[in-house]
C-alpha atoms as a PDB file:
ATOM      1  CA  MET A   1     -18.247 -16.898 -31.957  1.00  0.00           C
ATOM      2  CA  THR A   2     -14.584 -16.860 -31.439  1.00  0.00           C
ATOM      3  CA  ASP A   3     -15.307 -15.358 -28.078  1.00  0.00           C
ATOM      4  CA  LYS A   4     -18.262 -17.883 -27.099  1.00  0.00           C
ATOM      5  CA  THR A   5     -14.673 -20.656 -28.130  1.00  0.00           C
ATOM      6  CA  ALA A   6     -12.547 -19.252 -25.835  1.00  0.00           C
ATOM      7  CA  ALA A   7     -14.948 -18.981 -23.209  1.00  0.00           C
ATOM      8  CA  ASN A   8     -16.134 -22.523 -23.676  1.00  0.00           C
ATOM      9  CA  ALA A   9     -12.525 -23.546 -23.443  1.00  0.00           C
ATOM     10  CA  ALA A  10     -11.891 -21.752 -20.356  1.00  0.00           C
ATOM     11  CA  LEU A  11     -15.144 -23.710 -18.615  1.00  0.00           C
ATOM     12  CA  MET A  12     -13.449 -26.445 -19.690  1.00  0.00           C
ATOM     13  CA  ARG A  13     -10.034 -26.151 -18.080  1.00  0.00           C
ATOM     14  CA  LEU A  14     -11.664 -25.119 -15.027  1.00  0.00           C
ATOM     15  CA  MET A  15     -14.152 -28.432 -15.148  1.00  0.00           C
ATOM     16  CA  LYS A  16     -11.054 -30.703 -15.813  1.00  0.00           C
ATOM     17  CA  GLN A  17      -9.000 -28.637 -12.649  1.00  0.00           C
ATOM     18  CA  TYR A  18     -11.210 -28.419 -10.343  1.00  0.00           C
ATOM     19  CA  GLY A  19     -14.504 -30.474 -11.088  1.00  0.00           C
ATOM     20  CA  GLY A  20     -13.267 -33.813  -9.222  1.00  0.00           C
ATOM     21  CA  ILE A  21     -13.095 -31.726  -5.837  1.00  0.00           C
ATOM     22  CA  PHE A  22     -15.892 -29.872  -6.364  1.00  0.00           C
ATOM     23  CA  LEU A  23     -18.536 -32.719  -7.345  1.00  0.00           C
ATOM     24  CA  SER A  24     -17.077 -34.202  -4.225  1.00  0.00           C
ATOM     25  CA  LEU A  25     -18.063 -31.403  -1.788  1.00  0.00           C
ATOM     26  CA  ILE A  26     -21.478 -31.557  -3.725  1.00  0.00           C
ATOM     27  CA  VAL A  27     -21.545 -35.542  -2.856  1.00  0.00           C
ATOM     28  CA  LEU A  28     -20.536 -34.762   1.148  1.00  0.00           C
ATOM     29  CA  CYS A  29     -23.558 -31.976   1.449  1.00  0.00           C
ATOM     30  CA  VAL A  30     -26.288 -34.080  -0.016  1.00  0.00           C
ATOM     31  CA  ILE A  31     -24.859 -37.202   1.781  1.00  0.00           C
ATOM     32  CA  PHE A  32     -25.025 -34.886   5.311  1.00  0.00           C
ATOM     33  CA  SER A  33     -28.203 -33.546   4.148  1.00  0.00           C
ATOM     34  CA  VAL A  34     -29.931 -36.835   3.946  1.00  0.00           C
ATOM     35  CA  MET A  35     -28.810 -37.771   7.191  1.00  0.00           C
ATOM     36  CA  ASN A  36     -29.693 -34.614   8.679  1.00  0.00           C
ATOM     37  CA  PRO A  37     -32.093 -32.178   7.249  1.00  0.00           C
ATOM     38  CA  ARG A  38     -30.803 -29.003   9.279  1.00  0.00           C
ATOM     39  CA  PHE A  39     -27.451 -29.463   7.315  1.00  0.00           C
ATOM     40  CA  MET A  40     -28.363 -27.477   4.112  1.00  0.00           C
ATOM     41  CA  SER A  41     -30.614 -24.781   6.170  1.00  0.00           C
ATOM     42  CA  LEU A  42     -29.032 -20.926   6.049  1.00  0.00           C
ATOM     43  CA  ALA A  43     -28.033 -20.769   9.592  1.00  0.00           C
ATOM     44  CA  ASN A  44     -26.413 -23.902   9.471  1.00  0.00           C
ATOM     45  CA  PHE A  45     -24.165 -22.904   5.939  1.00  0.00           C
ATOM     46  CA  LEU A  46     -23.472 -19.404   7.832  1.00  0.00           C
ATOM     47  CA  ASN A  47     -21.762 -21.467  10.110  1.00  0.00           C
ATOM     48  CA  VAL A  48     -20.086 -23.653   8.292  1.00  0.00           C
ATOM     49  CA  LEU A  49     -18.460 -20.683   6.561  1.00  0.00           C
ATOM     50  CA  GLN A  50     -17.484 -19.469   9.794  1.00  0.00           C
ATOM     51  CA  GLN A  51     -15.978 -22.365  11.088  1.00  0.00           C
ATOM     52  CA  VAL A  52     -14.075 -22.746   7.809  1.00  0.00           C
ATOM     53  CA  ALA A  53     -12.535 -19.263   7.557  1.00  0.00           C
ATOM     54  CA  VAL A  54      -9.841 -20.147  10.277  1.00  0.00           C
ATOM     55  CA  ILE A  55      -9.106 -23.360   8.922  1.00  0.00           C
ATOM     56  CA  ALA A  56      -9.499 -21.569   4.675  1.00  0.00           C
ATOM     57  CA  ILE A  57      -6.972 -18.512   6.198  1.00  0.00           C
ATOM     58  CA  ALA A  58      -4.025 -20.917   7.363  1.00  0.00           C
ATOM     59  CA  ALA A  59      -4.527 -23.193   4.313  1.00  0.00           C
ATOM     60  CA  PHE A  60      -3.815 -20.138   2.162  1.00  0.00           C
ATOM     61  CA  GLY A  61      -0.078 -19.958   4.048  1.00  0.00           C
ATOM     62  CA  MET A  62       0.481 -23.467   4.160  1.00  0.00           C
ATOM     63  CA  THR A  63      -0.674 -23.325   0.059  1.00  0.00           C
ATOM     64  CA  TRP A  64       2.453 -21.288  -0.444  1.00  0.00           C
ATOM     65  CA  VAL A  65       4.663 -23.957   1.605  1.00  0.00           C
ATOM     66  CA  ILE A  66       3.929 -26.567   0.062  1.00  0.00           C
ATOM     67  CA  LEU A  67       4.335 -25.016  -3.081  1.00  0.00           C
ATOM     68  CA  LEU A  68       7.931 -24.686  -2.496  1.00  0.00           C
ATOM     69  CA  GLY A  69       8.294 -28.405  -1.727  1.00  0.00           C
ATOM     70  CA  GLU A  70       8.029 -27.574   2.225  1.00  0.00           C
ATOM     71  CA  ILE A  71       5.653 -27.998   4.921  1.00  0.00           C
ATOM     72  CA  ASP A  72       4.790 -26.080   8.238  1.00  0.00           C
ATOM     73  CA  LEU A  73       3.458 -27.564  11.229  1.00  0.00           C
ATOM     74  CA  SER A  74       3.618 -24.685  13.394  1.00  0.00           C
ATOM     75  CA  ILE A  75       1.211 -23.096  11.957  1.00  0.00           C
ATOM     76  CA  GLY A  76      -1.970 -24.682  14.843  1.00  0.00           C
ATOM     77  CA  SER A  77       0.879 -22.972  17.331  1.00  0.00           C
ATOM     78  CA  ILE A  78       1.326 -19.995  15.828  1.00  0.00           C
ATOM     79  CA  ILE A  79      -2.716 -19.098  15.444  1.00  0.00           C
ATOM     80  CA  ALA A  80      -3.000 -19.355  19.701  1.00  0.00           C
ATOM     81  CA  LEU A  81       0.270 -17.713  19.933  1.00  0.00           C
ATOM     82  CA  ALA A  82      -1.706 -14.813  18.025  1.00  0.00           C
ATOM     83  CA  GLY A  83      -4.416 -14.765  20.122  1.00  0.00           C
ATOM     84  CA  MET A  84      -2.342 -14.409  23.358  1.00  0.00           C
ATOM     85  CA  VAL A  85      -0.272 -11.871  21.678  1.00  0.00           C
ATOM     86  CA  ALA A  86      -3.390 -10.036  20.888  1.00  0.00           C
ATOM     87  CA  ALA A  87      -4.803 -10.704  24.909  1.00  0.00           C
ATOM     88  CA  GLN A  88      -1.606  -9.346  26.485  1.00  0.00           C
ATOM     89  CA  CYS A  89      -1.459  -6.004  24.422  1.00  0.00           C
ATOM     90  CA  PHE A  90      -5.038  -5.126  25.359  1.00  0.00           C
ATOM     91  CA  ALA A  91      -4.344  -6.307  29.093  1.00  0.00           C
ATOM     92  CA  PHE A  92      -1.374  -3.471  28.381  1.00  0.00           C
ATOM     93  CA  GLY A  93      -3.903  -1.138  27.396  1.00  0.00           C
ATOM     94  CA  LEU A  94      -3.473  -0.720  23.917  1.00  0.00           C
ATOM     95  CA  GLY A  95      -5.723   0.256  21.272  1.00  0.00           C
ATOM     96  CA  PHE A  96      -7.334  -2.372  18.211  1.00  0.00           C
ATOM     97  CA  LEU A  97      -5.186  -1.120  15.062  1.00  0.00           C
ATOM     98  CA  PRO A  98      -1.746  -1.374  17.169  1.00  0.00           C
ATOM     99  CA  THR A  99      -2.859  -4.951  19.054  1.00  0.00           C
ATOM    100  CA  PHE A 100      -3.918  -5.579  15.113  1.00  0.00           C
ATOM    101  CA  ALA A 101      -0.861  -4.747  14.008  1.00  0.00           C
ATOM    102  CA  LEU A 102       1.815  -6.276  16.468  1.00  0.00           C
ATOM    103  CA  THR A 103      -0.784  -9.755  15.943  1.00  0.00           C
ATOM    104  CA  LEU A 104       0.358 -10.025  12.432  1.00  0.00           C
ATOM    105  CA  LEU A 105       3.871  -8.393  12.905  1.00  0.00           C
ATOM    106  CA  ALA A 106       4.020 -11.240  15.413  1.00  0.00           C
ATOM    107  CA  GLY A 107       2.911 -13.951  13.034  1.00  0.00           C
ATOM    108  CA  ALA A 108       5.388 -12.917  10.474  1.00  0.00           C
ATOM    109  CA  LEU A 109       8.526 -12.949  13.076  1.00  0.00           C
ATOM    110  CA  LEU A 110       7.295 -16.533  13.947  1.00  0.00           C
ATOM    111  CA  GLY A 111       7.376 -17.361  10.142  1.00  0.00           C
ATOM    112  CA  SER A 112      10.697 -16.247   9.551  1.00  0.00           C
ATOM    113  CA  VAL A 113      12.112 -18.046  12.021  1.00  0.00           C
ATOM    114  CA  ASN A 114      10.900 -21.055  10.310  1.00  0.00           C
ATOM    115  CA  GLY A 115      11.994 -19.544   6.622  1.00  0.00           C
ATOM    116  CA  VAL A 116      15.776 -18.759   8.452  1.00  0.00           C
ATOM    117  CA  LEU A 117      16.029 -21.699   9.916  1.00  0.00           C
ATOM    118  CA  THR A 118      15.003 -23.765   6.650  1.00  0.00           C
ATOM    119  CA  ALA A 119      17.027 -21.393   3.991  1.00  0.00           C
ATOM    120  CA  LYS A 120      19.699 -20.531   5.849  1.00  0.00           C
ATOM    121  CA  PHE A 121      20.854 -23.027   8.112  1.00  0.00           C
ATOM    122  CA  LEU A 122      19.430 -26.140   5.757  1.00  0.00           C
ATOM    123  CA  LEU A 123      17.298 -27.410   7.551  1.00  0.00           C
ATOM    124  CA  PRO A 124      14.634 -29.662   6.821  1.00  0.00           C
ATOM    125  CA  SER A 125      11.181 -27.514   6.943  1.00  0.00           C
ATOM    126  CA  PHE A 126       9.126 -30.858   8.691  1.00  0.00           C
ATOM    127  CA  ILE A 127      12.102 -31.118  11.526  1.00  0.00           C
ATOM    128  CA  VAL A 128      12.235 -27.188  12.278  1.00  0.00           C
ATOM    129  CA  THR A 129       8.516 -26.530  12.122  1.00  0.00           C
ATOM    130  CA  VAL A 130       7.951 -29.635  14.010  1.00  0.00           C
ATOM    131  CA  ALA A 131      10.252 -28.193  16.881  1.00  0.00           C
ATOM    132  CA  THR A 132       8.753 -24.624  16.498  1.00  0.00           C
ATOM    133  CA  MET A 133       5.823 -26.062  16.864  1.00  0.00           C
ATOM    134  CA  GLY A 134       6.373 -27.077  20.084  1.00  0.00           C
ATOM    135  CA  ILE A 135       8.278 -23.741  21.511  1.00  0.00           C
ATOM    136  CA  TYR A 136       5.702 -21.648  20.242  1.00  0.00           C
ATOM    137  CA  ARG A 137       2.809 -23.366  21.552  1.00  0.00           C
ATOM    138  CA  GLY A 138       5.131 -23.275  25.265  1.00  0.00           C
ATOM    139  CA  LEU A 139       5.519 -19.501  24.767  1.00  0.00           C
ATOM    140  CA  VAL A 140       1.292 -19.279  24.401  1.00  0.00           C
ATOM    141  CA  SER A 141       1.556 -20.504  28.075  1.00  0.00           C
ATOM    142  CA  LEU A 142       4.197 -18.629  29.453  1.00  0.00           C
ATOM    143  CA  PRO A 143       2.048 -14.894  30.272  1.00  0.00           C
ATOM    144  CA  THR A 144      -0.942 -17.099  32.053  1.00  0.00           C
ATOM    145  CA  ASN A 145       0.781 -19.944  32.856  1.00  0.00           C
ATOM    146  CA  GLY A 146      -1.732 -22.029  31.274  1.00  0.00           C
ATOM    147  CA  ALA A 147      -4.774 -20.168  31.870  1.00  0.00           C
ATOM    148  CA  PRO A 148      -7.067 -18.101  29.403  1.00  0.00           C
ATOM    149  CA  ALA A 149      -6.536 -14.940  28.609  1.00  0.00           C
ATOM    150  CA  MET A 150     -10.161 -12.858  28.636  1.00  0.00           C
ATOM    151  CA  ILE A 151      -9.996 -10.345  25.392  1.00  0.00           C
ATOM    152  CA  THR A 152     -13.097  -7.601  26.169  1.00  0.00           C
ATOM    153  CA  GLU A 153     -12.032  -5.130  23.359  1.00  0.00           C
ATOM    154  CA  PRO A 154     -15.472  -4.646  21.843  1.00  0.00           C
ATOM    155  CA  THR A 155     -13.862  -3.676  18.185  1.00  0.00           C
ATOM    156  CA  TRP A 156     -11.974  -7.633  18.213  1.00  0.00           C
ATOM    157  CA  THR A 157     -14.589  -9.495  19.477  1.00  0.00           C
ATOM    158  CA  ALA A 158     -16.921  -7.953  16.921  1.00  0.00           C
ATOM    159  CA  ILE A 159     -14.833  -9.330  14.348  1.00  0.00           C
ATOM    160  CA  GLY A 160     -16.098 -13.033  14.967  1.00  0.00           C
ATOM    161  CA  THR A 161     -19.771 -12.338  16.081  1.00  0.00           C
ATOM    162  CA  GLN A 162     -20.670  -9.011  13.805  1.00  0.00           C
ATOM    163  CA  SER A 163     -21.775  -9.117  10.077  1.00  0.00           C
ATOM    164  CA  PHE A 164     -21.592  -6.562   7.716  1.00  0.00           C
ATOM    165  CA  ILE A 165     -24.644  -5.706   5.298  1.00  0.00           C
ATOM    166  CA  GLY A 166     -25.640  -9.022   6.116  1.00  0.00           C
ATOM    167  CA  ILE A 167     -22.353 -11.158   5.568  1.00  0.00           C
ATOM    168  CA  PRO A 168     -20.537 -12.331   8.860  1.00  0.00           C
ATOM    169  CA  ILE A 169     -17.154 -10.379   9.158  1.00  0.00           C
ATOM    170  CA  VAL A 170     -15.325 -12.964   9.587  1.00  0.00           C
ATOM    171  CA  ILE A 171     -16.265 -14.427   5.635  1.00  0.00           C
ATOM    172  CA  TRP A 172     -14.962 -11.181   4.644  1.00  0.00           C
ATOM    173  CA  PHE A 173     -11.987 -11.691   5.933  1.00  0.00           C
ATOM    174  CA  VAL A 174     -11.674 -15.019   3.820  1.00  0.00           C
ATOM    175  CA  ALA A 175     -12.845 -13.387   0.547  1.00  0.00           C
ATOM    176  CA  VAL A 176     -10.027 -10.879   0.842  1.00  0.00           C
ATOM    177  CA  LEU A 177      -7.339 -13.000   1.318  1.00  0.00           C
ATOM    178  CA  PHE A 178      -8.732 -15.186  -0.877  1.00  0.00           C
ATOM    179  CA  LEU A 179      -8.481 -12.327  -3.926  1.00  0.00           C
ATOM    180  CA  PHE A 180      -5.035 -11.277  -2.421  1.00  0.00           C
ATOM    181  CA  ASN A 181      -3.523 -14.306  -2.593  1.00  0.00           C
ATOM    182  CA  HIS A 182      -4.953 -15.977  -5.745  1.00  0.00           C
ATOM    183  CA  ILE A 183      -3.648 -12.276  -7.217  1.00  0.00           C
ATOM    184  CA  LEU A 184      -0.362 -12.662  -6.000  1.00  0.00           C
ATOM    185  CA  LEU A 185       0.304 -16.713  -7.113  1.00  0.00           C
ATOM    186  CA  SER A 186      -1.476 -16.294 -10.506  1.00  0.00           C
ATOM    187  CA  LYS A 187      -0.495 -13.034 -11.744  1.00  0.00           C
ATOM    188  CA  THR A 188       2.769 -11.449 -10.393  1.00  0.00           C
ATOM    189  CA  LYS A 189       6.304 -12.566 -10.668  1.00  0.00           C
ATOM    190  CA  PHE A 190       6.628 -13.643  -7.442  1.00  0.00           C
ATOM    191  CA  GLY A 191       3.863 -16.119  -7.835  1.00  0.00           C
ATOM    192  CA  ARG A 192       5.768 -17.325 -11.060  1.00  0.00           C
ATOM    193  CA  ARG A 193       8.984 -17.648  -8.775  1.00  0.00           C
ATOM    194  CA  ALA A 194       7.115 -19.729  -6.298  1.00  0.00           C
ATOM    195  CA  TYR A 195       5.572 -22.162  -8.632  1.00  0.00           C
ATOM    196  CA  LEU A 196       9.547 -22.192 -10.304  1.00  0.00           C
ATOM    197  CA  THR A 197      11.565 -22.650  -7.201  1.00  0.00           C
ATOM    198  CA  GLY A 198       8.902 -25.210  -6.364  1.00  0.00           C
ATOM    199  CA  GLY A 199       8.877 -26.922  -9.304  1.00  0.00           C
ATOM    200  CA  ASN A 200      12.837 -26.926 -10.170  1.00  0.00           C
ATOM    201  CA  ARG A 201      14.944 -25.283  -7.721  1.00  0.00           C
ATOM    202  CA  GLU A 202      18.067 -25.990  -9.704  1.00  0.00           C
ATOM    203  CA  ALA A 203      16.350 -23.851 -12.749  1.00  0.00           C
ATOM    204  CA  ALA A 204      15.121 -21.648 -10.170  1.00  0.00           C
ATOM    205  CA  LEU A 205      18.781 -20.649  -9.153  1.00  0.00           C
ATOM    206  CA  TYR A 206      20.271 -20.199 -13.138  1.00  0.00           C
ATOM    207  CA  SER A 207      17.258 -18.315 -13.517  1.00  0.00           C
ATOM    208  CA  GLY A 208      18.668 -15.488 -11.290  1.00  0.00           C
ATOM    209  CA  ILE A 209      16.223 -16.061  -8.398  1.00  0.00           C
ATOM    210  CA  ASN A 210      17.493 -15.579  -4.596  1.00  0.00           C
ATOM    211  CA  VAL A 211      15.986 -18.858  -3.593  1.00  0.00           C
ATOM    212  CA  ASP A 212      16.993 -18.159  -0.019  1.00  0.00           C
ATOM    213  CA  ARG A 213      15.036 -14.837   0.447  1.00  0.00           C
ATOM    214  CA  LEU A 214      11.885 -16.278  -1.724  1.00  0.00           C
ATOM    215  CA  LYS A 215      11.641 -19.064   0.742  1.00  0.00           C
ATOM    216  CA  ILE A 216      11.903 -16.696   4.182  1.00  0.00           C
ATOM    217  CA  ILE A 217       9.588 -14.144   2.675  1.00  0.00           C
ATOM    218  CA  ILE A 218       7.042 -17.466   2.173  1.00  0.00           C
ATOM    219  CA  PHE A 219       7.466 -18.657   5.628  1.00  0.00           C
ATOM    220  CA  MET A 220       6.394 -14.923   6.600  1.00  0.00           C
ATOM    221  CA  ILE A 221       3.208 -15.179   4.721  1.00  0.00           C
ATOM    222  CA  SER A 222       2.420 -18.549   6.312  1.00  0.00           C
ATOM    223  CA  GLY A 223       2.985 -16.420   9.894  1.00  0.00           C
ATOM    224  CA  VAL A 224       1.077 -13.889   8.752  1.00  0.00           C
ATOM    225  CA  MET A 225      -1.661 -16.077   7.025  1.00  0.00           C
ATOM    226  CA  ALA A 226      -1.987 -17.967  10.487  1.00  0.00           C
ATOM    227  CA  ALA A 227      -1.861 -14.930  12.664  1.00  0.00           C
ATOM    228  CA  ILE A 228      -5.239 -13.386  11.296  1.00  0.00           C
ATOM    229  CA  SER A 229      -6.642 -17.120  11.797  1.00  0.00           C
ATOM    230  CA  GLY A 230      -5.447 -16.302  15.294  1.00  0.00           C
ATOM    231  CA  VAL A 231      -7.122 -13.238  15.312  1.00  0.00           C
ATOM    232  CA  LEU A 232     -10.837 -14.493  14.058  1.00  0.00           C
ATOM    233  CA  LEU A 233     -10.757 -17.550  16.501  1.00  0.00           C
ATOM    234  CA  SER A 234     -10.201 -15.207  19.356  1.00  0.00           C
ATOM    235  CA  SER A 235     -12.493 -13.366  18.477  1.00  0.00           C
ATOM    236  CA  ARG A 236     -15.010 -15.915  18.138  1.00  0.00           C
ATOM    237  CA  LEU A 237     -13.966 -17.359  21.454  1.00  0.00           C
ATOM    238  CA  PHE A 238     -13.672 -13.881  23.163  1.00  0.00           C
ATOM    239  CA  SER A 239     -10.460 -15.066  24.893  1.00  0.00           C
ATOM    240  CA  ALA A 240      -6.681 -16.512  24.300  1.00  0.00           C
ATOM    241  CA  GLN A 241      -6.879 -19.991  24.306  1.00  0.00           C
ATOM    242  CA  THR A 242      -3.531 -22.153  24.965  1.00  0.00           C
ATOM    243  CA  ASN A 243      -4.973 -25.399  23.117  1.00  0.00           C
ATOM    244  CA  ALA A 244      -6.501 -22.996  20.448  1.00  0.00           C
ATOM    245  CA  GLY A 245      -5.324 -24.417  16.873  1.00  0.00           C
ATOM    246  CA  MET A 246      -4.417 -27.882  17.605  1.00  0.00           C
ATOM    247  CA  SER A 247      -4.332 -30.081  14.863  1.00  0.00           C
ATOM    248  CA  TYR A 248      -5.454 -27.019  12.124  1.00  0.00           C
ATOM    249  CA  GLU A 249      -2.054 -27.480  10.524  1.00  0.00           C
ATOM    250  CA  LEU A 250      -3.450 -30.987   9.402  1.00  0.00           C
ATOM    251  CA  ASP A 251      -6.511 -29.481   8.404  1.00  0.00           C
ATOM    252  CA  ALA A 252      -4.490 -26.929   6.258  1.00  0.00           C
ATOM    253  CA  ILE A 253      -2.680 -29.640   4.873  1.00  0.00           C
ATOM    254  CA  ALA A 254      -5.174 -30.955   3.939  1.00  0.00           C
ATOM    255  CA  ALA A 255      -7.207 -28.120   2.390  1.00  0.00           C
ATOM    256  CA  ALA A 256      -4.239 -27.754   0.334  1.00  0.00           C
ATOM    257  CA  VAL A 257      -3.513 -30.912  -0.740  1.00  0.00           C
ATOM    258  CA  LEU A 258      -7.533 -31.777  -1.598  1.00  0.00           C
ATOM    259  CA  GLY A 259      -7.075 -28.828  -3.385  1.00  0.00           C
ATOM    260  CA  GLY A 260      -4.691 -30.039  -5.717  1.00  0.00           C
ATOM    261  CA  THR A 261      -1.515 -28.426  -4.600  1.00  0.00           C
ATOM    262  CA  SER A 262       1.243 -30.829  -4.695  1.00  0.00           C
ATOM    263  CA  LEU A 263       3.764 -32.193  -1.974  1.00  0.00           C
ATOM    264  CA  ALA A 264       6.454 -32.383  -4.224  1.00  0.00           C
ATOM    265  CA  GLY A 265       6.196 -28.546  -4.855  1.00  0.00           C
ATOM    266  CA  GLY A 266       5.394 -26.308  -7.988  1.00  0.00           C
ATOM    267  CA  VAL A 267       1.874 -27.046  -8.490  1.00  0.00           C
ATOM    268  CA  GLY A 268      -1.577 -25.715  -6.772  1.00  0.00           C
ATOM    269  CA  THR A 269      -4.193 -22.992  -6.752  1.00  0.00           C
ATOM    270  CA  MET A 270      -5.610 -20.858  -4.212  1.00  0.00           C
ATOM    271  CA  VAL A 271      -9.175 -21.878  -5.911  1.00  0.00           C
ATOM    272  CA  GLY A 272      -8.425 -25.378  -4.898  1.00  0.00           C
ATOM    273  CA  THR A 273      -7.336 -25.012  -1.867  1.00  0.00           C
ATOM    274  CA  LEU A 274     -10.266 -23.173  -0.942  1.00  0.00           C
ATOM    275  CA  ILE A 275     -12.533 -25.782  -2.136  1.00  0.00           C
ATOM    276  CA  GLY A 276     -10.894 -28.371   0.100  1.00  0.00           C
ATOM    277  CA  ALA A 277     -10.907 -26.313   3.037  1.00  0.00           C
ATOM    278  CA  LEU A 278     -14.475 -26.107   2.414  1.00  0.00           C
ATOM    279  CA  ILE A 279     -14.628 -30.181   2.009  1.00  0.00           C
ATOM    280  CA  ILE A 280     -12.890 -30.115   5.603  1.00  0.00           C
ATOM    281  CA  GLY A 281     -15.569 -27.557   6.820  1.00  0.00           C
ATOM    282  CA  VAL A 282     -18.502 -29.895   5.682  1.00  0.00           C
ATOM    283  CA  LEU A 283     -16.908 -32.909   7.247  1.00  0.00           C
ATOM    284  CA  ASN A 284     -16.621 -31.299  11.006  1.00  0.00           C
ATOM    285  CA  ASN A 285     -19.711 -29.702  10.764  1.00  0.00           C
ATOM    286  CA  GLY A 286     -21.733 -32.924   9.435  1.00  0.00           C
ATOM    287  CA  MET A 287     -19.943 -35.160  11.631  1.00  0.00           C
ATOM    288  CA  ASN A 288     -20.498 -32.890  14.795  1.00  0.00           C
ATOM    289  CA  MET A 289     -24.305 -32.284  13.780  1.00  0.00           C
ATOM    290  CA  MET A 290     -24.600 -36.300  13.853  1.00  0.00           C
ATOM    291  CA  SER A 291     -22.846 -36.572  16.919  1.00  0.00           C
ATOM    292  CA  VAL A 292     -20.234 -38.541  15.798  1.00  0.00           C
ATOM    293  CA  PRO A 293     -17.459 -38.687  18.400  1.00  0.00           C
ATOM    294  CA  TYR A 294     -14.221 -36.970  18.119  1.00  0.00           C
ATOM    295  CA  PHE A 295     -11.968 -40.024  17.730  1.00  0.00           C
ATOM    296  CA  TYR A 296     -14.274 -41.206  14.932  1.00  0.00           C
ATOM    297  CA  GLN A 297     -13.574 -37.803  13.386  1.00  0.00           C
ATOM    298  CA  LEU A 298      -9.663 -37.757  13.750  1.00  0.00           C
ATOM    299  CA  ILE A 299      -9.649 -40.806  12.242  1.00  0.00           C
ATOM    300  CA  VAL A 300     -12.057 -39.702   9.153  1.00  0.00           C
ATOM    301  CA  LYS A 301      -9.852 -36.557   8.644  1.00  0.00           C
ATOM    302  CA  GLY A 302      -7.017 -38.921   8.820  1.00  0.00           C
ATOM    303  CA  LEU A 303      -8.439 -40.860   6.106  1.00  0.00           C
ATOM    304  CA  VAL A 304      -9.165 -38.253   3.988  1.00  0.00           C
ATOM    305  CA  ILE A 305      -5.251 -36.688   3.971  1.00  0.00           C
ATOM    306  CA  LEU A 306      -4.387 -40.163   3.113  1.00  0.00           C
ATOM    307  CA  ILE A 307      -6.872 -40.295   0.088  1.00  0.00           C
ATOM    308  CA  ALA A 308      -5.639 -37.026  -0.192  1.00  0.00           C
ATOM    309  CA  VAL A 309      -1.840 -37.319  -0.372  1.00  0.00           C
ATOM    310  CA  GLY A 310      -2.461 -41.089  -2.321  1.00  0.00           C
ATOM    311  CA  LEU A 311      -4.700 -38.485  -5.520  1.00  0.00           C
ATOM    312  CA  ASP A 312      -1.273 -35.996  -5.392  1.00  0.00           C
ATOM    313  CA  VAL A 313       1.453 -39.288  -5.928  1.00  0.00           C
ATOM    314  CA  ARG A 314      -0.886 -40.596  -8.394  1.00  0.00           C
ATOM    315  CA  SER A 315      -1.338 -37.432 -10.577  1.00  0.00           C
ATOM    316  CA  LYS A 316       2.353 -36.637  -9.763  1.00  0.00           C
ATOM    317  CA  ARG A 317       2.911 -39.823 -12.188  1.00  0.00           C
ATOM    318  CA  ALA A 318       0.568 -38.831 -14.836  1.00  0.00           C
ATOM    319  CA  ARG A 319       2.671 -35.708 -15.142  1.00  0.00           C
ATOM    320  CA  GLN A 320       5.687 -37.524 -15.431  1.00  0.00           C
END
């Protein structure tokens, strides 16, 4: 009886925490399936998951940054630059594993630049990442003078096009990285330090946490997650595109905030971010299937972000 009571209490906590956003996801699916019966097909369901993969992984990194009360607007540019790094590595004759490692290293270095400028030079992360967003986007075009760079490495392109035991490889990437980030955030000392620092920086300092180092590491995590998103996107496109990842930072922010991550810091979960990413993916896919013009899609997603921020402000006032 005790175990049953504990299970019921845990279920109630989950429903209270994620019930609203999960219900929103279901309502969106029902609306789009009524408007277009093909929306609920298995093929389209897998297509949505593959489209969500790039956003979800970038949003995992964004969640860490927002938990600190910071922001990272450069992840879309890092996604594009990671693809270009991979393309140039293959052009120089490197194999899959060295290229993959160098691509992730590039993401970590780009993220660390944001972290150092924010933590050590005390510059606002918004200003820093607006600047690096432009710098990194410019670096993407340097090797090819703005032209796409083709990627023909079979193992690389297989990531975005092949399946493993019937499930697309990109979905396996999302599952593994979700588990990694979820466990790191909710089950480790590092995650507790991130929550404490985002919720009360002074308390974190008094408790002996090296806040600057924590901030740099978290921006590096954001850079690595964006680089992995760049791997998936370039593998699907068979190329590195100079305009890849455009506005993905907004989708990542929307996914995190929709999932309950507070822009004020100190509140958020990877589970909520994953559900938020699914909502963004369903919106994108559903509007594309309905042939909604792109500029209307931008309006809808902008409204979604405003609603999410409004709910965040309201919940913050309620907590206070």
